[in-house]
PDB file of all heavy atoms in Angstrom:
ATOM      1  N   VAL A   1      -1.480   9.388   8.625  1.00  0.00           N
ATOM      2  CA  VAL A   1      -0.679  10.221   7.688  1.00  0.00           C
ATOM      3  C   VAL A   1       0.100   9.086   6.863  1.00  0.00           C
ATOM      4  O   VAL A   1       0.980   8.380   7.436  1.00  0.00           O
ATOM      5  CB  VAL A   1       0.287  11.092   8.308  1.00  0.00           C
ATOM      6  CG1 VAL A   1       1.028  11.964   7.289  1.00  0.00           C
ATOM      7  CG2 VAL A   1      -0.486  12.047   9.215  1.00  0.00           C
ATOM      8  N   HIS A   2      -0.317   8.895   5.594  1.00  0.00           N
ATOM      9  CA  HIS A   2       0.206   7.844   4.886  1.00  0.00           C
ATOM     10  C   HIS A   2       1.215   8.340   3.855  1.00  0.00           C
ATOM     11  O   HIS A   2       0.948   9.379   3.157  1.00  0.00           O
ATOM     12  CB  HIS A   2      -0.982   7.146   4.018  1.00  0.00           C
ATOM     13  CG  HIS A   2      -1.742   6.113   4.865  1.00  0.00           C
ATOM     14  ND1 HIS A   2      -1.317   5.636   6.000  1.00  0.00           N
ATOM     15  CD2 HIS A   2      -2.892   5.600   4.581  1.00  0.00           C
ATOM     16  CE1 HIS A   2      -2.233   4.832   6.511  1.00  0.00           C
ATOM     17  NE2 HIS A   2      -3.136   4.744   5.520  1.00  0.00           N
ATOM     18  N   GLY A   3       2.373   7.635   3.763  1.00  0.00           N
ATOM     19  CA  GLY A   3       3.313   7.930   2.617  1.00  0.00           C
ATOM     20  C   GLY A   3       2.723   7.263   1.343  1.00  0.00           C
ATOM     21  O   GLY A   3       2.260   6.049   1.428  1.00  0.00           O
ATOM     22  N   CYS A   4       2.801   7.940   0.261  1.00  0.00           N
ATOM     23  CA  CYS A   4       2.212   7.522  -1.060  1.00  0.00           C
ATOM     24  C   CYS A   4       2.867   6.152  -1.534  1.00  0.00           C
ATOM     25  O   CYS A   4       2.182   5.238  -2.068  1.00  0.00           O
ATOM     26  CB  CYS A   4       2.322   8.665  -2.067  1.00  0.00           C
ATOM     27  SG  CYS A   4       1.396  10.032  -1.617  1.00  0.00           S
ATOM     28  N   PHE A   5       4.111   6.053  -1.355  1.00  0.00           N
ATOM     29  CA  PHE A   5       4.723   4.817  -1.682  1.00  0.00           C
ATOM     30  C   PHE A   5       4.282   3.561  -0.762  1.00  0.00           C
ATOM     31  O   PHE A   5       3.787   2.571  -1.266  1.00  0.00           O
ATOM     32  CB  PHE A   5       6.258   4.867  -1.711  1.00  0.00           C
ATOM     33  CG  PHE A   5       7.069   3.548  -1.863  1.00  0.00           C
ATOM     34  CD1 PHE A   5       7.124   2.922  -3.139  1.00  0.00           C
ATOM     35  CD2 PHE A   5       7.651   2.909  -0.689  1.00  0.00           C
ATOM     36  CE1 PHE A   5       7.648   1.728  -3.267  1.00  0.00           C
ATOM     37  CE2 PHE A   5       8.195   1.689  -0.981  1.00  0.00           C
ATOM     38  CZ  PHE A   5       8.218   1.163  -2.157  1.00  0.00           C
ATOM     39  N   TRP A   6       4.481   3.776   0.474  1.00  0.00           N
ATOM     40  CA  TRP A   6       4.332   2.618   1.447  1.00  0.00           C
ATOM     41  C   TRP A   6       2.707   2.248   1.397  1.00  0.00           C
ATOM     42  O   TRP A   6       2.578   0.990   1.670  1.00  0.00           O
ATOM     43  CB  TRP A   6       4.680   2.919   2.836  1.00  0.00           C
ATOM     44  CG  TRP A   6       6.151   3.202   2.843  1.00  0.00           C
ATOM     45  CD1 TRP A   6       6.972   4.327   2.959  1.00  0.00           C
ATOM     46  CD2 TRP A   6       7.191   2.067   2.760  1.00  0.00           C
ATOM     47  NE1 TRP A   6       8.242   3.994   3.006  1.00  0.00           N
ATOM     48  CE2 TRP A   6       8.414   2.638   2.835  1.00  0.00           C
ATOM     49  CE3 TRP A   6       7.050   0.740   2.691  1.00  0.00           C
ATOM     50  CZ2 TRP A   6       9.650   1.951   2.901  1.00  0.00           C
ATOM     51  CZ3 TRP A   6       8.295  -0.004   2.699  1.00  0.00           C
ATOM     52  CH2 TRP A   6       9.476   0.583   2.844  1.00  0.00           C
ATOM     53  N   HIS A   7       1.879   3.120   1.144  1.00  0.00           N
ATOM     54  CA  HIS A   7       0.432   2.835   1.191  1.00  0.00           C
ATOM     55  C   HIS A   7      -0.127   2.738  -0.060  1.00  0.00           C
ATOM     56  O   HIS A   7      -1.425   2.755  -0.236  1.00  0.00           O
ATOM     57  CB  HIS A   7      -0.151   3.676   2.314  1.00  0.00           C
ATOM     58  CG  HIS A   7       0.317   3.599   3.723  1.00  0.00           C
ATOM     59  ND1 HIS A   7      -0.171   2.624   4.562  1.00  0.00           N
ATOM     60  CD2 HIS A   7       1.284   4.043   4.382  1.00  0.00           C
ATOM     61  CE1 HIS A   7       0.458   2.662   5.591  1.00  0.00           C
ATOM     62  NE2 HIS A   7       1.459   3.592   5.528  1.00  0.00           N
ATOM     63  N   GLN A   8       0.650   3.002  -1.158  1.00  0.00           N
ATOM     64  CA  GLN A   8       0.173   2.817  -2.563  1.00  0.00           C
ATOM     65  C   GLN A   8      -1.004   3.796  -2.816  1.00  0.00           C
ATOM     66  O   GLN A   8      -2.181   3.306  -3.214  1.00  0.00           O
ATOM     67  CB  GLN A   8      -0.088   1.410  -2.942  1.00  0.00           C
ATOM     68  CG  GLN A   8       1.114   0.538  -2.910  1.00  0.00           C
ATOM     69  CD  GLN A   8       2.083   1.014  -4.111  1.00  0.00           C
ATOM     70  OE1 GLN A   8       1.777   0.725  -5.243  1.00  0.00           O
ATOM     71  NE2 GLN A   8       3.116   1.702  -3.723  1.00  0.00           N
ATOM     72  N   HIS A   9      -0.723   5.086  -2.653  1.00  0.00           N
ATOM     73  CA  HIS A   9      -1.845   6.122  -2.995  1.00  0.00           C
ATOM     74  C   HIS A   9      -2.259   5.917  -4.446  1.00  0.00           C
ATOM     75  O   HIS A   9      -1.493   6.110  -5.485  1.00  0.00           O
ATOM     76  CB  HIS A   9      -1.270   7.552  -2.808  1.00  0.00           C
ATOM     77  CG  HIS A   9      -2.279   8.530  -2.933  1.00  0.00           C
ATOM     78  ND1 HIS A   9      -1.863   9.855  -2.947  1.00  0.00           N
ATOM     79  CD2 HIS A   9      -3.613   8.517  -2.905  1.00  0.00           C
ATOM     80  CE1 HIS A   9      -2.988  10.691  -3.098  1.00  0.00           C
ATOM     81  NE2 HIS A   9      -3.987   9.920  -3.004  1.00  0.00           N
ATOM     82  N   PRO A  10      -3.641   5.599  -4.679  1.00  0.00           N
ATOM     83  CA  PRO A  10      -4.158   5.390  -6.112  1.00  0.00           C
ATOM     84  C   PRO A  10      -3.853   6.638  -6.950  1.00  0.00           C
ATOM     85  O   PRO A  10      -4.230   7.808  -6.475  1.00  0.00           O
ATOM     86  CB  PRO A  10      -5.574   5.119  -5.835  1.00  0.00           C
ATOM     87  CG  PRO A  10      -5.680   4.711  -4.411  1.00  0.00           C
ATOM     88  CD  PRO A  10      -4.559   5.334  -3.617  1.00  0.00           C
ATOM     89  N   GLY A  11      -3.329   6.489  -8.021  1.00  0.00           N
ATOM     90  CA  GLY A  11      -3.038   7.571  -8.931  1.00  0.00           C
ATOM     91  C   GLY A  11      -1.862   8.469  -8.737  1.00  0.00           C
ATOM     92  O   GLY A  11      -1.738   9.462  -9.512  1.00  0.00           O
ATOM     93  N   CYS A  12      -1.143   8.214  -7.679  1.00  0.00           N
ATOM     94  CA  CYS A  12       0.011   9.115  -7.341  1.00  0.00           C
ATOM     95  C   CYS A  12       1.152   8.634  -7.931  1.00  0.00           C
ATOM     96  O   CYS A  12       1.439   7.355  -8.091  1.00  0.00           O
ATOM     97  CB  CYS A  12       0.073   9.039  -5.813  1.00  0.00           C
ATOM     98  SG  CYS A  12       1.532  10.045  -5.277  1.00  0.00           S
ATOM     99  N   ARG A  13       2.068   9.516  -8.426  1.00  0.00           N
ATOM    100  CA  ARG A  13       3.154   9.046  -9.212  1.00  0.00           C
ATOM    101  C   ARG A  13       4.277   8.513  -8.233  1.00  0.00           C
ATOM    102  O   ARG A  13       5.300   7.799  -8.707  1.00  0.00           O
ATOM    103  CB  ARG A  13       3.822  10.274  -9.952  1.00  0.00           C
ATOM    104  CG  ARG A  13       4.304  11.326  -9.081  1.00  0.00           C
ATOM    105  CD  ARG A  13       4.717  12.529 -10.014  1.00  0.00           C
ATOM    106  NE  ARG A  13       5.206  13.758  -9.117  1.00  0.00           N
ATOM    107  CZ  ARG A  13       6.408  13.878  -8.734  1.00  0.00           C
ATOM    108  NH1 ARG A  13       7.379  13.052  -9.080  1.00  0.00           N
ATOM    109  NH2 ARG A  13       6.692  14.933  -8.014  1.00  0.00           N
ATOM    110  N   ALA A  14       4.130   8.753  -6.843  1.00  0.00           N
ATOM    111  CA  ALA A  14       5.076   8.156  -5.957  1.00  0.00           C
ATOM    112  C   ALA A  14       4.753   6.675  -5.608  1.00  0.00           C
ATOM    113  O   ALA A  14       5.537   5.991  -5.052  1.00  0.00           O
ATOM    114  CB  ALA A  14       5.093   9.057  -4.733  1.00  0.00           C
ATOM    115  N   ALA A  15       3.655   6.312  -6.042  1.00  0.00           N
ATOM    116  CA  ALA A  15       3.118   4.927  -5.706  1.00  0.00           C
ATOM    117  C   ALA A  15       3.575   3.884  -6.861  1.00  0.00           C
ATOM    118  O   ALA A  15       2.759   3.139  -7.268  1.00  0.00           O
ATOM    119  CB  ALA A  15       1.608   4.852  -5.461  1.00  0.00           C
ATOM    120  N   THR A  16       4.793   3.850  -7.025  1.00  0.00           N
ATOM    121  CA  THR A  16       5.338   2.974  -8.079  1.00  0.00           C
ATOM    122  C   THR A  16       6.000   1.717  -7.425  1.00  0.00           C
ATOM    123  O   THR A  16       6.358   1.574  -6.215  1.00  0.00           O
ATOM    124  CB  THR A  16       6.488   3.729  -8.969  1.00  0.00           C
ATOM    125  OG1 THR A  16       7.463   4.097  -8.000  1.00  0.00           O
ATOM    126  CG2 THR A  16       5.907   4.891  -9.613  1.00  0.00           C
ATOM    127  N   LEU A  17       6.152   0.641  -8.203  1.00  0.00           N
ATOM    128  CA  LEU A  17       6.672  -0.471  -7.711  1.00  0.00           C
ATOM    129  C   LEU A  17       8.170  -0.486  -8.157  1.00  0.00           C
ATOM    130  O   LEU A  17       8.661  -0.078  -9.156  1.00  0.00           O
ATOM    131  CB  LEU A  17       6.070  -1.588  -8.517  1.00  0.00           C
ATOM    132  CG  LEU A  17       6.252  -3.057  -8.054  1.00  0.00           C
ATOM    133  CD1 LEU A  17       5.771  -3.255  -6.621  1.00  0.00           C
ATOM    134  CD2 LEU A  17       5.642  -4.016  -8.959  1.00  0.00           C
ATOM    135  N   PRO A  18       9.167  -0.742  -7.158  1.00  0.00           N
ATOM    136  CA  PRO A  18      10.512  -0.764  -7.364  1.00  0.00           C
ATOM    137  C   PRO A  18      10.885  -1.753  -8.449  1.00  0.00           C
ATOM    138  O   PRO A  18      10.123  -2.680  -8.764  1.00  0.00           O
ATOM    139  CB  PRO A  18      11.105  -1.330  -6.063  1.00  0.00           C
ATOM    140  CG  PRO A  18      10.079  -0.857  -5.017  1.00  0.00           C
ATOM    141  CD  PRO A  18       8.754  -1.051  -5.764  1.00  0.00           C
ATOM    142  N   LYS A  19      11.898  -1.525  -9.256  1.00  0.00           N
ATOM    143  CA  LYS A  19      12.396  -2.166 -10.380  1.00  0.00           C
ATOM    144  C   LYS A  19      13.092  -3.520 -10.015  1.00  0.00           C
ATOM    145  O   LYS A  19      13.182  -4.319 -10.831  1.00  0.00           O
ATOM    146  CB  LYS A  19      13.296  -1.335 -11.369  1.00  0.00           C
ATOM    147  CG  LYS A  19      12.638  -0.038 -11.714  1.00  0.00           C
ATOM    148  CD  LYS A  19      12.363  -0.028 -13.226  1.00  0.00           C
ATOM    149  CE  LYS A  19      11.802   1.237 -13.731  1.00  0.00           C
ATOM    150  NZ  LYS A  19      10.445   1.486 -13.445  1.00  0.00           N
ATOM    151  N   THR A  20      13.474  -3.542  -8.771  1.00  0.00           N
ATOM    152  CA  THR A  20      14.197  -4.781  -8.336  1.00  0.00           C
ATOM    153  C   THR A  20      13.319  -5.524  -7.294  1.00  0.00           C
ATOM    154  O   THR A  20      12.635  -4.860  -6.607  1.00  0.00           O
ATOM    155  CB  THR A  20      15.471  -4.558  -7.730  1.00  0.00           C
ATOM    156  OG1 THR A  20      15.401  -3.659  -6.577  1.00  0.00           O
ATOM    157  CG2 THR A  20      16.538  -3.871  -8.716  1.00  0.00           C
ATOM    158  N   ARG A  21      13.394  -6.815  -7.246  1.00  0.00           N
ATOM    159  CA  ARG A  21      12.651  -7.696  -6.293  1.00  0.00           C
ATOM    160  C   ARG A  21      11.132  -7.277  -6.300  1.00  0.00           C
ATOM    161  O   ARG A  21      10.523  -7.155  -5.349  1.00  0.00           O
ATOM    162  CB  ARG A  21      13.191  -7.485  -4.923  1.00  0.00           C
ATOM    163  CG  ARG A  21      14.643  -7.866  -4.783  1.00  0.00           C
ATOM    164  CD  ARG A  21      15.169  -7.704  -3.381  1.00  0.00           C
ATOM    165  NE  ARG A  21      14.513  -8.737  -2.500  1.00  0.00           N
ATOM    166  CZ  ARG A  21      14.133  -8.500  -1.074  1.00  0.00           C
ATOM    167  NH1 ARG A  21      14.709  -7.378  -0.618  1.00  0.00           N
ATOM    168  NH2 ARG A  21      13.735  -9.375  -0.502  1.00  0.00           N
ATOM    169  N   THR A  22      10.633  -7.285  -7.492  1.00  0.00           N
ATOM    170  CA  THR A  22       9.198  -6.883  -7.679  1.00  0.00           C
ATOM    171  C   THR A  22       8.179  -7.657  -7.022  1.00  0.00           C
ATOM    172  O   THR A  22       7.289  -7.228  -6.544  1.00  0.00           O
ATOM    173  CB  THR A  22       8.815  -6.639  -9.312  1.00  0.00           C
ATOM    174  OG1 THR A  22       9.153  -7.840  -9.918  1.00  0.00           O
ATOM    175  CG2 THR A  22       9.687  -5.453  -9.815  1.00  0.00           C
ATOM    176  N   ASP A  23       8.459  -8.993  -7.024  1.00  0.00           N
ATOM    177  CA  ASP A  23       7.521  -9.924  -6.320  1.00  0.00           C
ATOM    178  C   ASP A  23       7.527  -9.620  -4.870  1.00  0.00           C
ATOM    179  O   ASP A  23       6.417  -9.693  -4.306  1.00  0.00           O
ATOM    180  CB  ASP A  23       8.001 -11.360  -6.650  1.00  0.00           C
ATOM    181  CG  ASP A  23       7.807 -11.834  -8.076  1.00  0.00           C
ATOM    182  OD1 ASP A  23       6.922 -11.163  -8.724  1.00  0.00           O
ATOM    183  OD2 ASP A  23       8.367 -13.009  -8.417  1.00  0.00           O
ATOM    184  N   PHE A  24       8.654  -9.413  -4.278  1.00  0.00           N
ATOM    185  CA  PHE A  24       8.731  -9.139  -2.878  1.00  0.00           C
ATOM    186  C   PHE A  24       7.887  -7.821  -2.516  1.00  0.00           C
ATOM    187  O   PHE A  24       6.993  -7.724  -1.651  1.00  0.00           O
ATOM    188  CB  PHE A  24      10.091  -8.964  -2.427  1.00  0.00           C
ATOM    189  CG  PHE A  24      10.243  -8.238  -0.981  1.00  0.00           C
ATOM    190  CD1 PHE A  24      10.178  -9.027   0.142  1.00  0.00           C
ATOM    191  CD2 PHE A  24      10.624  -6.891  -0.954  1.00  0.00           C
ATOM    192  CE1 PHE A  24      10.112  -8.358   1.372  1.00  0.00           C
ATOM    193  CE2 PHE A  24      10.669  -6.244   0.287  1.00  0.00           C
ATOM    194  CZ  PHE A  24      10.424  -6.938   1.366  1.00  0.00           C
ATOM    195  N   TRP A  25       8.218  -6.750  -3.368  1.00  0.00           N
ATOM    196  CA  TRP A  25       7.629  -5.405  -3.177  1.00  0.00           C
ATOM    197  C   TRP A  25       6.141  -5.464  -3.412  1.00  0.00           C
ATOM    198  O   TRP A  25       5.356  -4.810  -2.707  1.00  0.00           O
ATOM    199  CB  TRP A  25       8.424  -4.379  -3.846  1.00  0.00           C
ATOM    200  CG  TRP A  25       9.617  -3.988  -3.265  1.00  0.00           C
ATOM    201  CD1 TRP A  25      10.847  -4.281  -3.722  1.00  0.00           C
ATOM    202  CD2 TRP A  25       9.807  -3.271  -2.075  1.00  0.00           C
ATOM    203  NE1 TRP A  25      11.813  -3.766  -2.878  1.00  0.00           N
ATOM    204  CE2 TRP A  25      11.145  -3.148  -1.847  1.00  0.00           C
ATOM    205  CE3 TRP A  25       8.851  -2.733  -1.130  1.00  0.00           C
ATOM    206  CZ2 TRP A  25      11.672  -2.497  -0.736  1.00  0.00           C
ATOM    207  CZ3 TRP A  25       9.391  -2.090  -0.010  1.00  0.00           C
ATOM    208  CH2 TRP A  25      10.758  -2.020   0.188  1.00  0.00           C
ATOM    209  N   ARG A  26       5.758  -6.197  -4.447  1.00  0.00           N
ATOM    210  CA  ARG A  26       4.339  -6.218  -4.819  1.00  0.00           C
ATOM    211  C   ARG A  26       3.487  -6.868  -3.685  1.00  0.00           C
ATOM    212  O   ARG A  26       2.532  -6.333  -3.081  1.00  0.00           O
ATOM    213  CB  ARG A  26       4.046  -6.949  -6.053  1.00  0.00           C
ATOM    214  CG  ARG A  26       2.654  -7.082  -6.547  1.00  0.00           C
ATOM    215  CD  ARG A  26       2.453  -7.838  -7.881  1.00  0.00           C
ATOM    216  NE  ARG A  26       3.085  -7.047  -8.942  1.00  0.00           N
ATOM    217  CZ  ARG A  26       4.170  -7.494  -9.553  1.00  0.00           C
ATOM    218  NH1 ARG A  26       4.712  -8.585  -9.242  1.00  0.00           N
ATOM    219  NH2 ARG A  26       4.608  -6.796 -10.575  1.00  0.00           N
ATOM    220  N   GLY A  27       4.072  -7.927  -3.067  1.00  0.00           N
ATOM    221  CA  GLY A  27       3.391  -8.600  -1.954  1.00  0.00           C
ATOM    222  C   GLY A  27       3.436  -7.688  -0.750  1.00  0.00           C
ATOM    223  O   GLY A  27       2.263  -7.562  -0.097  1.00  0.00           O
ATOM    224  N   LYS A  28       4.470  -7.019  -0.414  1.00  0.00           N
ATOM    225  CA  LYS A  28       4.525  -6.150   0.744  1.00  0.00           C
ATOM    226  C   LYS A  28       3.611  -5.020   0.628  1.00  0.00           C
ATOM    227  O   LYS A  28       2.738  -4.706   1.567  1.00  0.00           O
ATOM    228  CB  LYS A  28       5.968  -5.768   0.909  1.00  0.00           C
ATOM    229  CG  LYS A  28       6.100  -4.791   2.137  1.00  0.00           C
ATOM    230  CD  LYS A  28       7.624  -4.526   2.500  1.00  0.00           C
ATOM    231  CE  LYS A  28       7.889  -3.697   3.710  1.00  0.00           C
ATOM    232  NZ  LYS A  28       7.284  -4.299   4.839  1.00  0.00           N
ATOM    233  N   LEU A  29       3.649  -4.348  -0.441  1.00  0.00           N
ATOM    234  CA  LEU A  29       2.756  -3.225  -0.601  1.00  0.00           C
ATOM    235  C   LEU A  29       1.302  -3.446  -0.651  1.00  0.00           C
ATOM    236  O   LEU A  29       0.492  -2.786  -0.179  1.00  0.00           O
ATOM    237  CB  LEU A  29       3.215  -2.323  -1.813  1.00  0.00           C
ATOM    238  CG  LEU A  29       4.630  -1.808  -1.711  1.00  0.00           C
ATOM    239  CD1 LEU A  29       5.199  -1.211  -3.086  1.00  0.00           C
ATOM    240  CD2 LEU A  29       4.943  -0.832  -0.649  1.00  0.00           C
ATOM    241  N   GLU A  30       0.953  -4.592  -1.239  1.00  0.00           N
ATOM    242  CA  GLU A  30      -0.397  -4.982  -1.382  1.00  0.00           C
ATOM    243  C   GLU A  30      -0.908  -5.441  -0.013  1.00  0.00           C
ATOM    244  O   GLU A  30      -2.096  -5.197   0.380  1.00  0.00           O
ATOM    245  CB  GLU A  30      -0.603  -6.187  -2.472  1.00  0.00           C
ATOM    246  CG  GLU A  30      -0.451  -5.792  -3.918  1.00  0.00           C
ATOM    247  CD  GLU A  30      -0.597  -7.054  -4.817  1.00  0.00           C
ATOM    248  OE1 GLU A  30      -0.686  -8.308  -4.259  1.00  0.00           O
ATOM    249  OE2 GLU A  30      -0.493  -6.708  -6.024  1.00  0.00           O
ATOM    250  N   ALA A  31      -0.116  -6.018   0.843  1.00  0.00           N
ATOM    251  CA  ALA A  31      -0.355  -6.369   2.245  1.00  0.00           C
ATOM    252  C   ALA A  31      -0.668  -5.113   2.954  1.00  0.00           C
ATOM    253  O   ALA A  31      -1.652  -4.997   3.804  1.00  0.00           O
ATOM    254  CB  ALA A  31       0.611  -7.186   2.823  1.00  0.00           C
ATOM    255  N   ASN A  32       0.043  -4.042   2.793  1.00  0.00           N
ATOM    256  CA  ASN A  32      -0.034  -2.719   3.475  1.00  0.00           C
ATOM    257  C   ASN A  32      -1.424  -2.219   3.098  1.00  0.00           C
ATOM    258  O   ASN A  32      -2.253  -1.798   4.050  1.00  0.00           O
ATOM    259  CB  ASN A  32       0.906  -1.789   3.003  1.00  0.00           C
ATOM    260  CG  ASN A  32       2.278  -2.080   3.707  1.00  0.00           C
ATOM    261  OD1 ASN A  32       2.556  -2.886   4.496  1.00  0.00           O
ATOM    262  ND2 ASN A  32       3.330  -1.344   3.229  1.00  0.00           N
ATOM    263  N   VAL A  33      -1.771  -2.191   1.747  1.00  0.00           N
ATOM    264  CA  VAL A  33      -3.153  -1.707   1.383  1.00  0.00           C
ATOM    265  C   VAL A  33      -4.199  -2.448   1.983  1.00  0.00           C
ATOM    266  O   VAL A  33      -5.249  -1.875   2.388  1.00  0.00           O
ATOM    267  CB  VAL A  33      -3.261  -1.732  -0.199  1.00  0.00           C
ATOM    268  CG1 VAL A  33      -4.640  -1.334  -0.586  1.00  0.00           C
ATOM    269  CG2 VAL A  33      -2.181  -0.740  -0.782  1.00  0.00           C
ATOM    270  N   LEU A  34      -4.261  -3.784   1.980  1.00  0.00           N
ATOM    271  CA  LEU A  34      -5.229  -4.537   2.598  1.00  0.00           C
ATOM    272  C   LEU A  34      -5.431  -4.339   4.025  1.00  0.00           C
ATOM    273  O   LEU A  34      -6.381  -4.150   4.727  1.00  0.00           O
ATOM    274  CB  LEU A  34      -4.907  -6.105   2.327  1.00  0.00           C
ATOM    275  CG  LEU A  34      -5.212  -6.567   0.877  1.00  0.00           C
ATOM    276  CD1 LEU A  34      -4.577  -7.952   0.726  1.00  0.00           C
ATOM    277  CD2 LEU A  34      -6.510  -6.387   0.460  1.00  0.00           C
ATOM    278  N   ARG A  35      -4.210  -4.241   4.714  1.00  0.00           N
ATOM    279  CA  ARG A  35      -4.280  -3.984   6.180  1.00  0.00           C
ATOM    280  C   ARG A  35      -4.896  -2.538   6.428  1.00  0.00           C
ATOM    281  O   ARG A  35      -5.737  -2.435   7.337  1.00  0.00           O
ATOM    282  CB  ARG A  35      -2.802  -3.935   6.768  1.00  0.00           C
ATOM    283  CG  ARG A  35      -2.844  -3.716   8.335  1.00  0.00           C
ATOM    284  CD  ARG A  35      -1.415  -3.612   8.864  1.00  0.00           C
ATOM    285  NE  ARG A  35      -0.780  -2.437   8.301  1.00  0.00           N
ATOM    286  CZ  ARG A  35       0.228  -2.439   7.635  1.00  0.00           C
ATOM    287  NH1 ARG A  35       1.031  -3.456   7.367  1.00  0.00           N
ATOM    288  NH2 ARG A  35       0.858  -1.319   7.134  1.00  0.00           N
ATOM    289  N   ASP A  36      -4.599  -1.552   5.588  1.00  0.00           N
ATOM    290  CA  ASP A  36      -5.131  -0.237   5.724  1.00  0.00           C
ATOM    291  C   ASP A  36      -6.686  -0.354   5.716  1.00  0.00           C
ATOM    292  O   ASP A  36      -7.437   0.382   6.608  1.00  0.00           O
ATOM    293  CB  ASP A  36      -4.591   0.703   4.757  1.00  0.00           C
ATOM    294  CG  ASP A  36      -3.104   1.067   4.975  1.00  0.00           C
ATOM    295  OD1 ASP A  36      -2.614   0.828   6.012  1.00  0.00           O
ATOM    296  OD2 ASP A  36      -2.545   1.487   3.894  1.00  0.00           O
ATOM    297  N   SER A  37      -7.214  -1.032   4.717  1.00  0.00           N
ATOM    298  CA  SER A  37      -8.648  -1.154   4.512  1.00  0.00           C
ATOM    299  C   SER A  37      -9.269  -1.868   5.649  1.00  0.00           C
ATOM    300  O   SER A  37     -10.203  -1.476   6.120  1.00  0.00           O
ATOM    301  CB  SER A  37      -8.778  -1.937   3.188  1.00  0.00           C
ATOM    302  OG  SER A  37     -10.205  -2.112   2.958  1.00  0.00           O
ATOM    303  N   ARG A  38      -8.675  -2.984   6.088  1.00  0.00           N
ATOM    304  CA  ARG A  38      -9.180  -3.743   7.125  1.00  0.00           C
ATOM    305  C   ARG A  38      -9.255  -2.707   8.431  1.00  0.00           C
ATOM    306  O   ARG A  38     -10.270  -2.754   9.208  1.00  0.00           O
ATOM    307  CB  ARG A  38      -8.308  -4.912   7.524  1.00  0.00           C
ATOM    308  CG  ARG A  38      -8.955  -5.866   8.607  1.00  0.00           C
ATOM    309  CD  ARG A  38      -8.007  -6.893   9.096  1.00  0.00           C
ATOM    310  NE  ARG A  38      -7.047  -6.360  10.076  1.00  0.00           N
ATOM    311  CZ  ARG A  38      -5.754  -6.305   9.756  1.00  0.00           C
ATOM    312  NH1 ARG A  38      -5.144  -6.767   8.690  1.00  0.00           N
ATOM    313  NH2 ARG A  38      -4.951  -5.706  10.687  1.00  0.00           N
ATOM    314  N   VAL A  39      -8.179  -2.031   8.792  1.00  0.00           N
ATOM    315  CA  VAL A  39      -8.157  -1.195   9.982  1.00  0.00           C
ATOM    316  C   VAL A  39      -9.195  -0.146   9.872  1.00  0.00           C
ATOM    317  O   VAL A  39      -9.954   0.214  10.801  1.00  0.00           O
ATOM    318  CB  VAL A  39      -6.720  -0.562  10.072  1.00  0.00           C
ATOM    319  CG1 VAL A  39      -6.816   0.608  11.018  1.00  0.00           C
ATOM    320  CG2 VAL A  39      -5.692  -1.611  10.626  1.00  0.00           C
ATOM    321  N   GLN A  40      -9.352   0.501   8.730  1.00  0.00           N
ATOM    322  CA  GLN A  40     -10.378   1.501   8.529  1.00  0.00           C
ATOM    323  C   GLN A  40     -11.768   0.961   8.658  1.00  0.00           C
ATOM    324  O   GLN A  40     -12.618   1.545   9.433  1.00  0.00           O
ATOM    325  CB  GLN A  40     -10.291   2.228   7.165  1.00  0.00           C
ATOM    326  CG  GLN A  40      -9.151   3.145   7.086  1.00  0.00           C
ATOM    327  CD  GLN A  40      -8.973   3.866   5.761  1.00  0.00           C
ATOM    328  OE1 GLN A  40      -9.891   3.923   5.046  1.00  0.00           O
ATOM    329  NE2 GLN A  40      -7.861   4.211   5.426  1.00  0.00           N
ATOM    330  N   ASP A  41     -12.106  -0.291   8.177  1.00  0.00           N
ATOM    331  CA  ASP A  41     -13.371  -1.049   8.394  1.00  0.00           C
ATOM    332  C   ASP A  41     -13.567  -1.170   9.951  1.00  0.00           C
ATOM    333  O   ASP A  41     -14.706  -0.957  10.488  1.00  0.00           O
ATOM    334  CB  ASP A  41     -13.379  -2.293   7.677  1.00  0.00           C
ATOM    335  CG  ASP A  41     -13.499  -2.048   6.236  1.00  0.00           C
ATOM    336  OD1 ASP A  41     -13.901  -0.880   5.836  1.00  0.00           O
ATOM    337  OD2 ASP A  41     -13.295  -3.073   5.500  1.00  0.00           O
ATOM    338  N   GLU A  42     -12.557  -1.601  10.734  1.00  0.00           N
ATOM    339  CA  GLU A  42     -12.675  -1.921  12.121  1.00  0.00           C
ATOM    340  C   GLU A  42     -12.937  -0.714  12.857  1.00  0.00           C
ATOM    341  O   GLU A  42     -13.810  -0.576  13.766  1.00  0.00           O
ATOM    342  CB  GLU A  42     -11.450  -2.543  12.602  1.00  0.00           C
ATOM    343  CG  GLU A  42     -11.201  -3.978  12.118  1.00  0.00           C
ATOM    344  CD  GLU A  42      -9.786  -4.537  12.566  1.00  0.00           C
ATOM    345  OE1 GLU A  42      -9.100  -4.014  13.419  1.00  0.00           O
ATOM    346  OE2 GLU A  42      -9.406  -5.621  11.982  1.00  0.00           O
ATOM    347  N   LEU A  43     -12.316   0.506  12.469  1.00  0.00           N
ATOM    348  CA  LEU A  43     -12.534   1.750  13.199  1.00  0.00           C
ATOM    349  C   LEU A  43     -13.922   2.139  12.899  1.00  0.00           C
ATOM    350  O   LEU A  43     -14.723   2.632  13.923  1.00  0.00           O
ATOM    351  CB  LEU A  43     -11.571   2.822  12.746  1.00  0.00           C
ATOM    352  CG  LEU A  43     -10.154   2.684  13.274  1.00  0.00           C
ATOM    353  CD1 LEU A  43      -9.106   3.654  12.478  1.00  0.00           C
ATOM    354  CD2 LEU A  43     -10.155   2.998  14.839  1.00  0.00           C
ATOM    355  N   ARG A  44     -14.377   2.061  11.626  1.00  0.00           N
ATOM    356  CA  ARG A  44     -15.880   2.465  11.438  1.00  0.00           C
ATOM    357  C   ARG A  44     -16.888   1.628  12.300  1.00  0.00           C
ATOM    358  O   ARG A  44     -17.809   2.153  12.779  1.00  0.00           O
ATOM    359  CB  ARG A  44     -16.099   2.441  10.023  1.00  0.00           C
ATOM    360  CG  ARG A  44     -15.591   3.442   9.072  1.00  0.00           C
ATOM    361  CD  ARG A  44     -16.159   3.427   7.679  1.00  0.00           C
ATOM    362  NE  ARG A  44     -15.145   4.137   6.770  1.00  0.00           N
ATOM    363  CZ  ARG A  44     -14.153   3.616   6.104  1.00  0.00           C
ATOM    364  NH1 ARG A  44     -13.821   2.302   6.237  1.00  0.00           N
ATOM    365  NH2 ARG A  44     -13.394   4.294   5.380  1.00  0.00           N
ATOM    366  N   ALA A  45     -16.526   0.310  12.327  1.00  0.00           N
ATOM    367  CA  ALA A  45     -17.485  -0.599  13.052  1.00  0.00           C
ATOM    368  C   ALA A  45     -17.455  -0.224  14.525  1.00  0.00           C
ATOM    369  O   ALA A  45     -18.369  -0.412  15.291  1.00  0.00           O
ATOM    370  CB  ALA A  45     -17.045  -1.966  12.930  1.00  0.00           C
TER     371      ALA A  45
END
């Protein structure tokens, strides 16, 4: 069960980047998306 902000739901209006500390948030949220993808691949395997 993914929160749209934390897991950056594609096309969702809640998946926005905060206006402050954008470099920090961009890195954190991109890492979440990459981890989600890796975890799903591991489960499928």
